[in-house]
Amino acid sequence: MIVAGVGAQKGVAPDSMVTAIQHALSRHGVTQHDLGLILTSMAKGGEPAIREAASQLSVPLMVVDDRRLQAAAPKCLTVSSHSIAATGLPSLSEAAAIVGAGLRACGTHASAG
């Protein structure tokens, strides 16, 4: 199952979120039909764009607690100064994708946000 980890600035348009997810999937040669789950943090779980994107893509949304995201952080390949400042994570979207795939997952994972 393919999982997409996402984060977003407040007020981002749902269509932008959907486009970002679709772009990440395409970049990795994965179709939208392979996407099984979207994950985000508790802080971002109420963002309308994230909820609407999950609905538009017909994929369940899972909100992940900070403890699990912090445990996944050392496995992140992406480091964003903006994400560190905002969440304390090197990449919220990548940490969420890692949690969704399982902390022992390896290989390529698509993240957007």
N, C-alpha and C. Protein backbone atom coordinates (compact mmCIF):
# COMPACT_ATOMS: atom_id res chain seq x y z
N MET A 1 0.84 -1.17 0.00
CA MET A 1 0.00 0.00 0.00
C MET A 1 0.89 1.24 0.00
N ILE A 2 0.53 2.20 -0.81
CA ILE A 2 1.23 3.47 -0.86
C ILE A 2 0.56 4.44 0.12
N VAL A 3 1.37 5.12 0.90
CA VAL A 3 0.86 6.13 1.82
C VAL A 3 1.47 7.47 1.46
N ALA A 4 0.71 8.52 1.68
CA ALA A 4 1.20 9.89 1.45
C ALA A 4 1.16 10.63 2.77
N GLY A 5 2.30 11.14 3.17
CA GLY A 5 2.36 11.99 4.34
C GLY A 5 2.22 13.43 3.87
N VAL A 6 1.42 14.23 4.57
CA VAL A 6 1.19 15.61 4.15
C VAL A 6 1.24 16.56 5.34
N GLY A 7 1.58 17.78 5.01
CA GLY A 7 1.50 18.91 5.91
C GLY A 7 1.07 20.08 5.04
N ALA A 8 0.64 21.16 5.65
CA ALA A 8 0.19 22.30 4.85
C ALA A 8 0.19 23.56 5.69
N GLN A 9 0.40 24.67 5.01
CA GLN A 9 0.22 25.95 5.67
C GLN A 9 -1.27 26.19 5.82
N LYS A 10 -1.64 26.95 6.84
CA LYS A 10 -3.05 27.28 7.03
C LYS A 10 -3.59 27.98 5.79
N GLY A 11 -4.78 27.60 5.41
CA GLY A 11 -5.46 28.27 4.33
C GLY A 11 -5.08 27.82 2.93
N VAL A 12 -4.25 26.80 2.80
CA VAL A 12 -3.90 26.32 1.47
C VAL A 12 -5.16 25.76 0.80
N ALA A 13 -5.25 25.92 -0.50
CA ALA A 13 -6.42 25.46 -1.24
C ALA A 13 -6.41 23.93 -1.36
N PRO A 14 -7.57 23.30 -1.20
CA PRO A 14 -7.65 21.85 -1.34
C PRO A 14 -7.11 21.36 -2.69
N ASP A 15 -7.39 22.09 -3.76
CA ASP A 15 -6.90 21.68 -5.08
C ASP A 15 -5.38 21.66 -5.12
N SER A 16 -4.74 22.58 -4.41
CA SER A 16 -3.27 22.59 -4.35
C SER A 16 -2.75 21.35 -3.64
N MET A 17 -3.45 20.93 -2.60
CA MET A 17 -3.04 19.73 -1.87
C MET A 17 -3.20 18.50 -2.75
N VAL A 18 -4.33 18.40 -3.44
CA VAL A 18 -4.56 17.26 -4.34
C VAL A 18 -3.49 17.22 -5.42
N THR A 19 -3.19 18.38 -6.01
CA THR A 19 -2.18 18.46 -7.06
C THR A 19 -0.81 18.04 -6.53
N ALA A 20 -0.46 18.47 -5.34
CA ALA A 20 0.84 18.12 -4.75
C ALA A 20 0.94 16.61 -4.53
N ILE A 21 -0.12 16.00 -4.04
CA ILE A 21 -0.11 14.55 -3.82
C ILE A 21 0.00 13.82 -5.15
N GLN A 22 -0.79 14.24 -6.13
CA GLN A 22 -0.75 13.60 -7.44
C GLN A 22 0.63 13.75 -8.08
N HIS A 23 1.24 14.90 -7.93
CA HIS A 23 2.57 15.13 -8.49
C HIS A 23 3.61 14.20 -7.83
N ALA A 24 3.54 14.08 -6.51
CA ALA A 24 4.48 13.21 -5.80
C ALA A 24 4.31 11.76 -6.24
N LEU A 25 3.09 11.33 -6.38
CA LEU A 25 2.84 9.96 -6.83
C LEU A 25 3.39 9.75 -8.23
N SER A 26 3.08 10.67 -9.12
CA SER A 26 3.54 10.57 -10.51
C SER A 26 5.06 10.56 -10.60
N ARG A 27 5.69 11.40 -9.81
CA ARG A 27 7.15 11.49 -9.81
C ARG A 27 7.80 10.16 -9.45
N HIS A 28 7.08 9.36 -8.69
CA HIS A 28 7.61 8.06 -8.27
C HIS A 28 7.00 6.90 -9.06
N GLY A 29 6.28 7.22 -10.14
CA GLY A 29 5.72 6.19 -11.00
C GLY A 29 4.58 5.41 -10.37
N VAL A 30 3.86 6.06 -9.49
CA VAL A 30 2.75 5.42 -8.79
C VAL A 30 1.45 6.10 -9.23
N THR A 31 0.39 5.31 -9.39
CA THR A 31 -0.88 5.91 -9.78
C THR A 31 -1.71 6.26 -8.55
N GLN A 32 -2.68 7.11 -8.76
CA GLN A 32 -3.57 7.51 -7.68
C GLN A 32 -4.32 6.31 -7.12
N HIS A 33 -4.58 5.33 -7.94
CA HIS A 33 -5.30 4.13 -7.49
C HIS A 33 -4.49 3.29 -6.51
N ASP A 34 -3.16 3.48 -6.50
CA ASP A 34 -2.29 2.75 -5.58
C ASP A 34 -2.27 3.38 -4.19
N LEU A 35 -2.73 4.63 -4.10
CA LEU A 35 -2.70 5.35 -2.83
C LEU A 35 -3.76 4.79 -1.90
N GLY A 36 -3.33 4.36 -0.72
CA GLY A 36 -4.25 3.73 0.21
C GLY A 36 -4.53 4.53 1.47
N LEU A 37 -3.69 5.54 1.76
CA LEU A 37 -3.82 6.25 3.02
C LEU A 37 -3.07 7.57 2.97
N ILE A 38 -3.65 8.59 3.56
CA ILE A 38 -2.99 9.88 3.74
C ILE A 38 -2.82 10.09 5.24
N LEU A 39 -1.62 10.50 5.64
CA LEU A 39 -1.34 10.74 7.05
C LEU A 39 -0.87 12.17 7.27
N THR A 40 -1.19 12.70 8.44
CA THR A 40 -0.70 14.01 8.84
C THR A 40 -0.61 14.06 10.36
N SER A 41 -0.16 15.18 10.87
CA SER A 41 0.00 15.34 12.32
C SER A 41 -1.31 15.75 12.97
N MET A 42 -1.35 15.64 14.28
CA MET A 42 -2.52 16.08 15.03
C MET A 42 -2.75 17.57 14.82
N ALA A 43 -1.67 18.34 14.74
CA ALA A 43 -1.79 19.78 14.55
C ALA A 43 -2.38 20.14 13.20
N LYS A 44 -2.16 19.30 12.20
CA LYS A 44 -2.64 19.59 10.84
C LYS A 44 -3.90 18.81 10.48
N GLY A 45 -4.32 17.91 11.34
CA GLY A 45 -5.47 17.06 11.04
C GLY A 45 -6.77 17.79 10.80
N GLY A 46 -6.89 18.99 11.32
CA GLY A 46 -8.11 19.76 11.13
C GLY A 46 -8.08 20.70 9.94
N GLU A 47 -6.96 20.73 9.23
CA GLU A 47 -6.85 21.62 8.06
C GLU A 47 -7.85 21.20 6.99
N PRO A 48 -8.72 22.11 6.58
CA PRO A 48 -9.72 21.76 5.57
C PRO A 48 -9.12 21.22 4.27
N ALA A 49 -7.99 21.76 3.84
CA ALA A 49 -7.38 21.31 2.59
C ALA A 49 -6.96 19.84 2.66
N ILE A 50 -6.45 19.43 3.80
CA ILE A 50 -6.01 18.04 3.96
C ILE A 50 -7.22 17.12 3.99
N ARG A 51 -8.21 17.50 4.74
CA ARG A 51 -9.43 16.67 4.81
C ARG A 51 -10.12 16.59 3.45
N GLU A 52 -10.21 17.71 2.75
CA GLU A 52 -10.86 17.73 1.44
C GLU A 52 -10.05 16.94 0.42
N ALA A 53 -8.73 17.01 0.48
CA ALA A 53 -7.89 16.25 -0.45
C ALA A 53 -8.13 14.76 -0.27
N ALA A 54 -8.17 14.31 0.97
CA ALA A 54 -8.44 12.89 1.23
C ALA A 54 -9.80 12.49 0.67
N SER A 55 -10.77 13.36 0.84
CA SER A 55 -12.10 13.08 0.32
C SER A 55 -12.10 13.04 -1.21
N GLN A 56 -11.47 14.03 -1.84
CA GLN A 56 -11.43 14.07 -3.31
C GLN A 56 -10.70 12.86 -3.89
N LEU A 57 -9.68 12.40 -3.19
CA LEU A 57 -8.89 11.26 -3.66
C LEU A 57 -9.48 9.92 -3.21
N SER A 58 -10.57 9.99 -2.43
CA SER A 58 -11.25 8.79 -1.92
C SER A 58 -10.30 7.88 -1.14
N VAL A 59 -9.52 8.51 -0.24
CA VAL A 59 -8.52 7.80 0.55
C VAL A 59 -8.74 8.17 2.02
N PRO A 60 -8.63 7.21 2.92
CA PRO A 60 -8.76 7.54 4.34
C PRO A 60 -7.64 8.48 4.81
N LEU A 61 -7.99 9.33 5.76
CA LEU A 61 -7.02 10.22 6.39
C LEU A 61 -6.77 9.72 7.80
N MET A 62 -5.49 9.58 8.14
CA MET A 62 -5.09 9.16 9.50
C MET A 62 -4.30 10.29 10.13
N VAL A 63 -4.68 10.66 11.33
CA VAL A 63 -3.97 11.69 12.08
C VAL A 63 -3.04 10.97 13.06
N VAL A 64 -1.75 11.34 13.01
CA VAL A 64 -0.72 10.64 13.77
C VAL A 64 -0.26 11.51 14.94
N ASP A 65 -0.08 10.89 16.09
CA ASP A 65 0.36 11.65 17.25
C ASP A 65 1.85 12.02 17.14
N ASP A 66 2.22 13.07 17.84
CA ASP A 66 3.57 13.62 17.75
C ASP A 66 4.65 12.62 18.17
N ARG A 67 4.35 11.76 19.12
CA ARG A 67 5.34 10.78 19.58
C ARG A 67 5.76 9.86 18.43
N ARG A 68 4.80 9.41 17.67
CA ARG A 68 5.12 8.53 16.53
C ARG A 68 5.87 9.28 15.44
N LEU A 69 5.52 10.54 15.21
CA LEU A 69 6.24 11.34 14.21
C LEU A 69 7.68 11.57 14.65
N GLN A 70 7.89 11.87 15.92
CA GLN A 70 9.25 12.07 16.43
C GLN A 70 10.08 10.79 16.31
N ALA A 71 9.46 9.64 16.53
CA ALA A 71 10.17 8.37 16.41
C ALA A 71 10.60 8.12 14.96
N ALA A 72 9.83 8.61 14.01
CA ALA A 72 10.15 8.43 12.59
C ALA A 72 11.16 9.45 12.08
N ALA A 73 11.32 10.56 12.78
CA ALA A 73 12.17 11.66 12.32
C ALA A 73 13.60 11.25 11.93
N PRO A 74 14.27 10.37 12.68
CA PRO A 74 15.63 9.99 12.28
C PRO A 74 15.72 9.30 10.92
N LYS A 75 14.62 8.75 10.44
CA LYS A 75 14.62 8.08 9.14
C LYS A 75 14.35 9.03 7.97
N CYS A 76 14.02 10.27 8.27
CA CYS A 76 13.72 11.25 7.21
C CYS A 76 14.98 11.58 6.41
N LEU A 77 14.85 11.57 5.11
CA LEU A 77 15.95 11.96 4.23
C LEU A 77 15.89 13.46 3.93
N THR A 78 14.71 14.03 4.03
CA THR A 78 14.49 15.44 3.74
C THR A 78 14.62 16.25 5.02
N VAL A 79 15.31 17.38 4.92
CA VAL A 79 15.42 18.29 6.06
C VAL A 79 15.01 19.68 5.58
N SER A 80 13.94 20.20 6.16
CA SER A 80 13.41 21.51 5.81
C SER A 80 13.50 22.42 7.02
N SER A 81 14.18 23.54 6.87
CA SER A 81 14.27 24.47 7.99
C SER A 81 12.89 24.99 8.37
N HIS A 82 12.01 25.15 7.40
CA HIS A 82 10.65 25.60 7.69
C HIS A 82 9.91 24.55 8.53
N SER A 83 10.05 23.28 8.16
CA SER A 83 9.39 22.21 8.91
C SER A 83 9.95 22.11 10.32
N ILE A 84 11.26 22.24 10.45
CA ILE A 84 11.87 22.18 11.78
C ILE A 84 11.33 23.30 12.66
N ALA A 85 11.26 24.52 12.10
CA ALA A 85 10.76 25.66 12.88
C ALA A 85 9.29 25.49 13.25
N ALA A 86 8.50 24.96 12.33
CA ALA A 86 7.06 24.86 12.55
C ALA A 86 6.66 23.64 13.37
N THR A 87 7.38 22.53 13.20
CA THR A 87 6.93 21.26 13.81
C THR A 87 7.97 20.56 14.67
N GLY A 88 9.23 20.97 14.53
CA GLY A 88 10.31 20.26 15.22
C GLY A 88 10.75 19.01 14.48
N LEU A 89 10.17 18.76 13.32
CA LEU A 89 10.49 17.59 12.51
C LEU A 89 11.28 18.01 11.28
N PRO A 90 12.21 17.18 10.81
CA PRO A 90 12.94 17.53 9.59
C PRO A 90 12.01 17.66 8.40
N SER A 91 10.94 16.86 8.36
CA SER A 91 9.91 16.92 7.33
C SER A 91 8.66 16.25 7.89
N LEU A 92 7.65 17.05 8.15
CA LEU A 92 6.40 16.50 8.67
C LEU A 92 5.82 15.48 7.70
N SER A 93 5.78 15.84 6.41
CA SER A 93 5.16 14.93 5.45
C SER A 93 5.93 13.62 5.34
N GLU A 94 7.25 13.68 5.35
CA GLU A 94 8.04 12.46 5.24
C GLU A 94 7.92 11.61 6.50
N ALA A 95 7.95 12.25 7.66
CA ALA A 95 7.79 11.50 8.91
C ALA A 95 6.44 10.81 8.95
N ALA A 96 5.40 11.49 8.50
CA ALA A 96 4.06 10.89 8.48
C ALA A 96 4.01 9.72 7.51
N ALA A 97 4.65 9.85 6.35
CA ALA A 97 4.68 8.75 5.39
C ALA A 97 5.42 7.55 5.96
N ILE A 98 6.49 7.81 6.67
CA ILE A 98 7.27 6.72 7.29
C ILE A 98 6.42 6.00 8.33
N VAL A 99 5.71 6.77 9.15
CA VAL A 99 4.83 6.15 10.14
C VAL A 99 3.80 5.28 9.44
N GLY A 100 3.21 5.81 8.37
CA GLY A 100 2.19 5.05 7.64
C GLY A 100 2.72 3.79 7.02
N ALA A 101 3.94 3.83 6.54
CA ALA A 101 4.55 2.67 5.90
C ALA A 101 5.11 1.70 6.93
N GLY A 102 5.29 2.18 8.14
CA GLY A 102 5.86 1.35 9.19
C GLY A 102 7.29 1.83 9.47
N LEU A 103 7.65 1.92 10.70
CA LEU A 103 8.95 2.45 11.06
C LEU A 103 10.11 1.62 10.54
N ARG A 104 9.86 0.39 10.16
CA ARG A 104 10.92 -0.45 9.61
C ARG A 104 10.94 -0.43 8.09
N ALA A 105 10.08 0.41 7.50
CA ALA A 105 9.98 0.48 6.04
C ALA A 105 11.29 1.03 5.46
N CYS A 106 11.56 0.61 4.28
CA CYS A 106 12.70 1.17 3.56
C CYS A 106 12.30 1.33 2.11
N GLY A 107 13.09 2.03 1.34
CA GLY A 107 12.77 2.25 -0.06
C GLY A 107 12.19 3.63 -0.25
N THR A 108 11.56 3.82 -1.38
CA THR A 108 11.02 5.12 -1.75
C THR A 108 9.63 5.29 -1.19
N HIS A 109 9.36 6.46 -0.65
CA HIS A 109 8.02 6.80 -0.21
C HIS A 109 7.71 8.20 -0.73
N ALA A 110 6.50 8.38 -1.20
CA ALA A 110 6.09 9.67 -1.74
C ALA A 110 5.59 10.53 -0.60
N SER A 111 6.02 11.75 -0.55
CA SER A 111 5.49 12.69 0.43
C SER A 111 5.19 14.00 -0.28
N ALA A 112 4.21 14.68 0.20
CA ALA A 112 3.82 15.96 -0.39
C ALA A 112 3.58 16.95 0.73
N GLY A 113 3.85 18.17 0.45
CA GLY A 113 3.57 19.17 1.46
C GLY A 113 4.77 19.92 1.74
